[in-house]
Amino acid sequence: MKKPDVTYVLGAAFAALTSLFYCCTMWFAIKLPRYYPLERTWKWVNEKGVPSQGWYGMQAFAFLAAGIVTFIIYLVLKRAVSAEASLKPAYTRILGAAAILTVIICMGYMLYYEFEKWGVFGLMGLE
């Protein structure tokens, strides 16, 4: 597969996988480190009544997991696909649309999750 095609496939896969793995941290309640800015420390537990930032751990998990899977995709493409093969325009559009759709769905879920968690729907009278 030609270099621009590989770059396109890997970029689309990484974007979609990052948002998907970020959602996995919410779906499966994966325990990740949290940053406590007042104490300037990282902890694995979520202490009640103390402000913390779980976003850092969630994002690091999403980037690392997506990076690992994207690297595996790269290795598969490098070995299984001919260097002279090119990606058909129809597959390019399908892959792009699938990646964008995955990101949009995951972003929608992230918003819903956070709004539900913090009671935003109740404040808006939508609960």
Foldseek 3Di string as FASTA:
>chain_A
DEPVQLVLLLVLQLLLQLLVQLVVCVVVVDQWWKAQVVVRDIDRDDDPPGDIHCPVRSNVRSNVVSVVVSVVVSVCCVPPPDNPDDDDPVVSVVSNVVSVVSNVVSVVVVVVVVCVVVVVCVVVVND
